[in-house]
Amino acid sequence: MTKAVHSVEGEIDLPGIPFRFSDSPAAIRRAPPTLGEHTEEVLREIGKTDAEINALRDSGAI
């Protein structure tokens, strides 16, 4: 098990990586996100403006 700090739950245990690659070691760098934690970031990456994101929020879509 690996320890990670979650934004809501505090310190949590995470299972290890179930596979190994000889030339690229895997590592757990952070805890899983909460529901919707990265919504705005993802919408900006696909080209949505602040106005469009606010409209989605106002309509209850996000």
N, C-alpha and C. Protein backbone atom coordinates (compact mmCIF):
# COMPACT_ATOMS: atom_id res chain seq x y z
N MET A 1 0.83 -1.18 0.00
CA MET A 1 0.00 0.00 0.00
C MET A 1 0.87 1.25 0.00
N THR A 2 0.37 2.27 -0.63
CA THR A 2 1.02 3.57 -0.69
C THR A 2 0.12 4.58 0.00
N LYS A 3 0.71 5.53 0.69
CA LYS A 3 -0.04 6.59 1.36
C LYS A 3 -0.13 7.80 0.42
N ALA A 4 -1.28 8.48 0.46
CA ALA A 4 -1.48 9.72 -0.29
C ALA A 4 -2.37 10.63 0.54
N VAL A 5 -2.26 11.93 0.30
CA VAL A 5 -3.11 12.88 1.01
C VAL A 5 -4.23 13.31 0.07
N HIS A 6 -5.46 13.01 0.47
CA HIS A 6 -6.65 13.33 -0.28
C HIS A 6 -7.20 14.66 0.22
N SER A 7 -7.74 15.49 -0.68
CA SER A 7 -8.21 16.83 -0.31
C SER A 7 -9.38 16.82 0.66
N VAL A 8 -10.15 15.74 0.70
CA VAL A 8 -11.30 15.66 1.61
C VAL A 8 -11.06 14.65 2.73
N GLU A 9 -10.52 13.50 2.39
CA GLU A 9 -10.39 12.39 3.33
C GLU A 9 -9.11 12.43 4.18
N GLY A 10 -8.17 13.30 3.83
CA GLY A 10 -6.89 13.31 4.54
C GLY A 10 -5.99 12.21 4.01
N GLU A 11 -5.18 11.62 4.88
CA GLU A 11 -4.25 10.57 4.45
C GLU A 11 -5.02 9.27 4.18
N ILE A 12 -4.81 8.69 2.99
CA ILE A 12 -5.49 7.45 2.61
C ILE A 12 -4.47 6.44 2.10
N ASP A 13 -4.84 5.16 2.14
CA ASP A 13 -4.02 4.09 1.58
C ASP A 13 -4.47 3.82 0.16
N LEU A 14 -3.52 3.68 -0.75
CA LEU A 14 -3.81 3.35 -2.14
C LEU A 14 -3.11 2.04 -2.48
N PRO A 15 -3.76 1.19 -3.27
CA PRO A 15 -3.10 -0.06 -3.66
C PRO A 15 -1.91 0.25 -4.57
N GLY A 16 -0.97 -0.64 -4.61
CA GLY A 16 0.20 -0.46 -5.47
C GLY A 16 -0.14 -0.62 -6.93
N ILE A 17 0.82 -0.35 -7.78
CA ILE A 17 0.66 -0.51 -9.23
C ILE A 17 0.66 -2.01 -9.53
N PRO A 18 -0.36 -2.53 -10.24
CA PRO A 18 -0.47 -3.98 -10.44
C PRO A 18 0.45 -4.55 -11.52
N PHE A 19 1.23 -3.71 -12.19
CA PHE A 19 2.11 -4.18 -13.25
C PHE A 19 3.45 -3.46 -13.16
N ARG A 20 4.47 -4.04 -13.76
CA ARG A 20 5.82 -3.46 -13.74
C ARG A 20 6.39 -3.44 -15.16
N PHE A 21 7.05 -2.34 -15.49
CA PHE A 21 7.76 -2.22 -16.75
C PHE A 21 9.23 -2.02 -16.43
N SER A 22 10.09 -2.71 -17.12
CA SER A 22 11.52 -2.66 -16.78
C SER A 22 12.14 -1.29 -17.07
N ASP A 23 11.71 -0.62 -18.12
CA ASP A 23 12.34 0.65 -18.49
C ASP A 23 11.58 1.89 -18.03
N SER A 24 10.40 1.75 -17.49
CA SER A 24 9.65 2.92 -17.02
C SER A 24 8.91 2.59 -15.73
N PRO A 25 9.57 2.86 -14.61
CA PRO A 25 8.95 2.56 -13.33
C PRO A 25 7.70 3.42 -13.09
N ALA A 26 6.69 2.80 -12.54
CA ALA A 26 5.44 3.50 -12.24
C ALA A 26 5.44 3.99 -10.80
N ALA A 27 4.71 5.06 -10.57
CA ALA A 27 4.61 5.60 -9.22
C ALA A 27 3.26 6.28 -9.05
N ILE A 28 2.73 6.24 -7.86
CA ILE A 28 1.51 6.96 -7.53
C ILE A 28 1.95 8.32 -7.00
N ARG A 29 1.54 9.38 -7.70
CA ARG A 29 2.00 10.72 -7.33
C ARG A 29 0.99 11.51 -6.51
N ARG A 30 -0.29 11.14 -6.60
CA ARG A 30 -1.29 11.87 -5.83
C ARG A 30 -2.56 11.03 -5.67
N ALA A 31 -3.40 11.48 -4.78
CA ALA A 31 -4.66 10.78 -4.51
C ALA A 31 -5.65 11.01 -5.65
N PRO A 32 -6.68 10.18 -5.76
CA PRO A 32 -7.67 10.39 -6.82
C PRO A 32 -8.44 11.68 -6.58
N PRO A 33 -8.93 12.33 -7.64
CA PRO A 33 -9.66 13.58 -7.48
C PRO A 33 -11.06 13.35 -6.93
N THR A 34 -11.62 14.41 -6.37
CA THR A 34 -13.02 14.36 -5.95
C THR A 34 -13.89 14.58 -7.18
N LEU A 35 -15.16 14.27 -7.08
CA LEU A 35 -16.08 14.43 -8.20
C LEU A 35 -16.11 15.88 -8.66
N GLY A 36 -15.77 16.12 -9.91
CA GLY A 36 -15.81 17.46 -10.48
C GLY A 36 -14.62 18.34 -10.16
N GLU A 37 -13.63 17.80 -9.47
CA GLU A 37 -12.49 18.62 -9.04
C GLU A 37 -11.75 19.28 -10.20
N HIS A 38 -11.66 18.63 -11.34
CA HIS A 38 -10.90 19.17 -12.47
C HIS A 38 -11.79 19.57 -13.65
N THR A 39 -13.08 19.75 -13.41
CA THR A 39 -14.01 20.06 -14.49
C THR A 39 -13.60 21.31 -15.25
N GLU A 40 -13.35 22.41 -14.54
CA GLU A 40 -12.99 23.65 -15.22
C GLU A 40 -11.69 23.51 -16.01
N GLU A 41 -10.72 22.83 -15.42
CA GLU A 41 -9.43 22.62 -16.10
C GLU A 41 -9.63 21.86 -17.41
N VAL A 42 -10.43 20.81 -17.37
CA VAL A 42 -10.67 20.00 -18.57
C VAL A 42 -11.43 20.82 -19.62
N LEU A 43 -12.44 21.58 -19.19
CA LEU A 43 -13.20 22.39 -20.14
C LEU A 43 -12.32 23.45 -20.80
N ARG A 44 -11.40 24.04 -20.04
CA ARG A 44 -10.48 25.02 -20.63
C ARG A 44 -9.54 24.35 -21.63
N GLU A 45 -9.11 23.12 -21.33
CA GLU A 45 -8.22 22.39 -22.25
C GLU A 45 -8.89 22.12 -23.59
N ILE A 46 -10.22 21.97 -23.58
CA ILE A 46 -10.91 21.71 -24.85
C ILE A 46 -11.43 22.99 -25.48
N GLY A 47 -11.01 24.14 -24.93
CA GLY A 47 -11.29 25.41 -25.58
C GLY A 47 -12.46 26.21 -25.06
N LYS A 48 -13.10 25.81 -23.98
CA LYS A 48 -14.23 26.57 -23.42
C LYS A 48 -13.72 27.84 -22.76
N THR A 49 -14.46 28.93 -22.94
CA THR A 49 -14.11 30.20 -22.32
C THR A 49 -14.71 30.28 -20.92
N ASP A 50 -14.27 31.28 -20.15
CA ASP A 50 -14.84 31.48 -18.81
C ASP A 50 -16.34 31.72 -18.90
N ALA A 51 -16.77 32.49 -19.91
CA ALA A 51 -18.20 32.77 -20.08
C ALA A 51 -18.98 31.49 -20.35
N GLU A 52 -18.43 30.61 -21.19
CA GLU A 52 -19.11 29.35 -21.50
C GLU A 52 -19.17 28.45 -20.26
N ILE A 53 -18.09 28.42 -19.50
CA ILE A 53 -18.05 27.61 -18.27
C ILE A 53 -19.06 28.15 -17.27
N ASN A 54 -19.13 29.48 -17.13
CA ASN A 54 -20.10 30.08 -16.21
C ASN A 54 -21.53 29.78 -16.65
N ALA A 55 -21.78 29.80 -17.96
CA ALA A 55 -23.11 29.47 -18.48
C ALA A 55 -23.47 28.02 -18.16
N LEU A 56 -22.51 27.11 -18.30
CA LEU A 56 -22.75 25.71 -17.94
C LEU A 56 -23.06 25.57 -16.47
N ARG A 57 -22.33 26.30 -15.64
CA ARG A 57 -22.56 26.24 -14.19
C ARG A 57 -23.94 26.83 -13.85
N ASP A 58 -24.28 27.97 -14.45
CA ASP A 58 -25.58 28.62 -14.20
C ASP A 58 -26.76 27.75 -14.63
N SER A 59 -26.56 26.95 -15.68
CA SER A 59 -27.64 26.09 -16.16
C SER A 59 -27.76 24.80 -15.36
N GLY A 60 -26.76 24.54 -14.48
CA GLY A 60 -26.77 23.32 -13.67
C GLY A 60 -26.13 22.13 -14.36
N ALA A 61 -25.53 22.36 -15.54
CA ALA A 61 -24.88 21.26 -16.26
C ALA A 61 -23.62 20.79 -15.54
N ILE A 62 -22.96 21.72 -14.85
CA ILE A 62 -21.77 21.36 -14.06
C ILE A 62 -21.90 21.96 -12.68
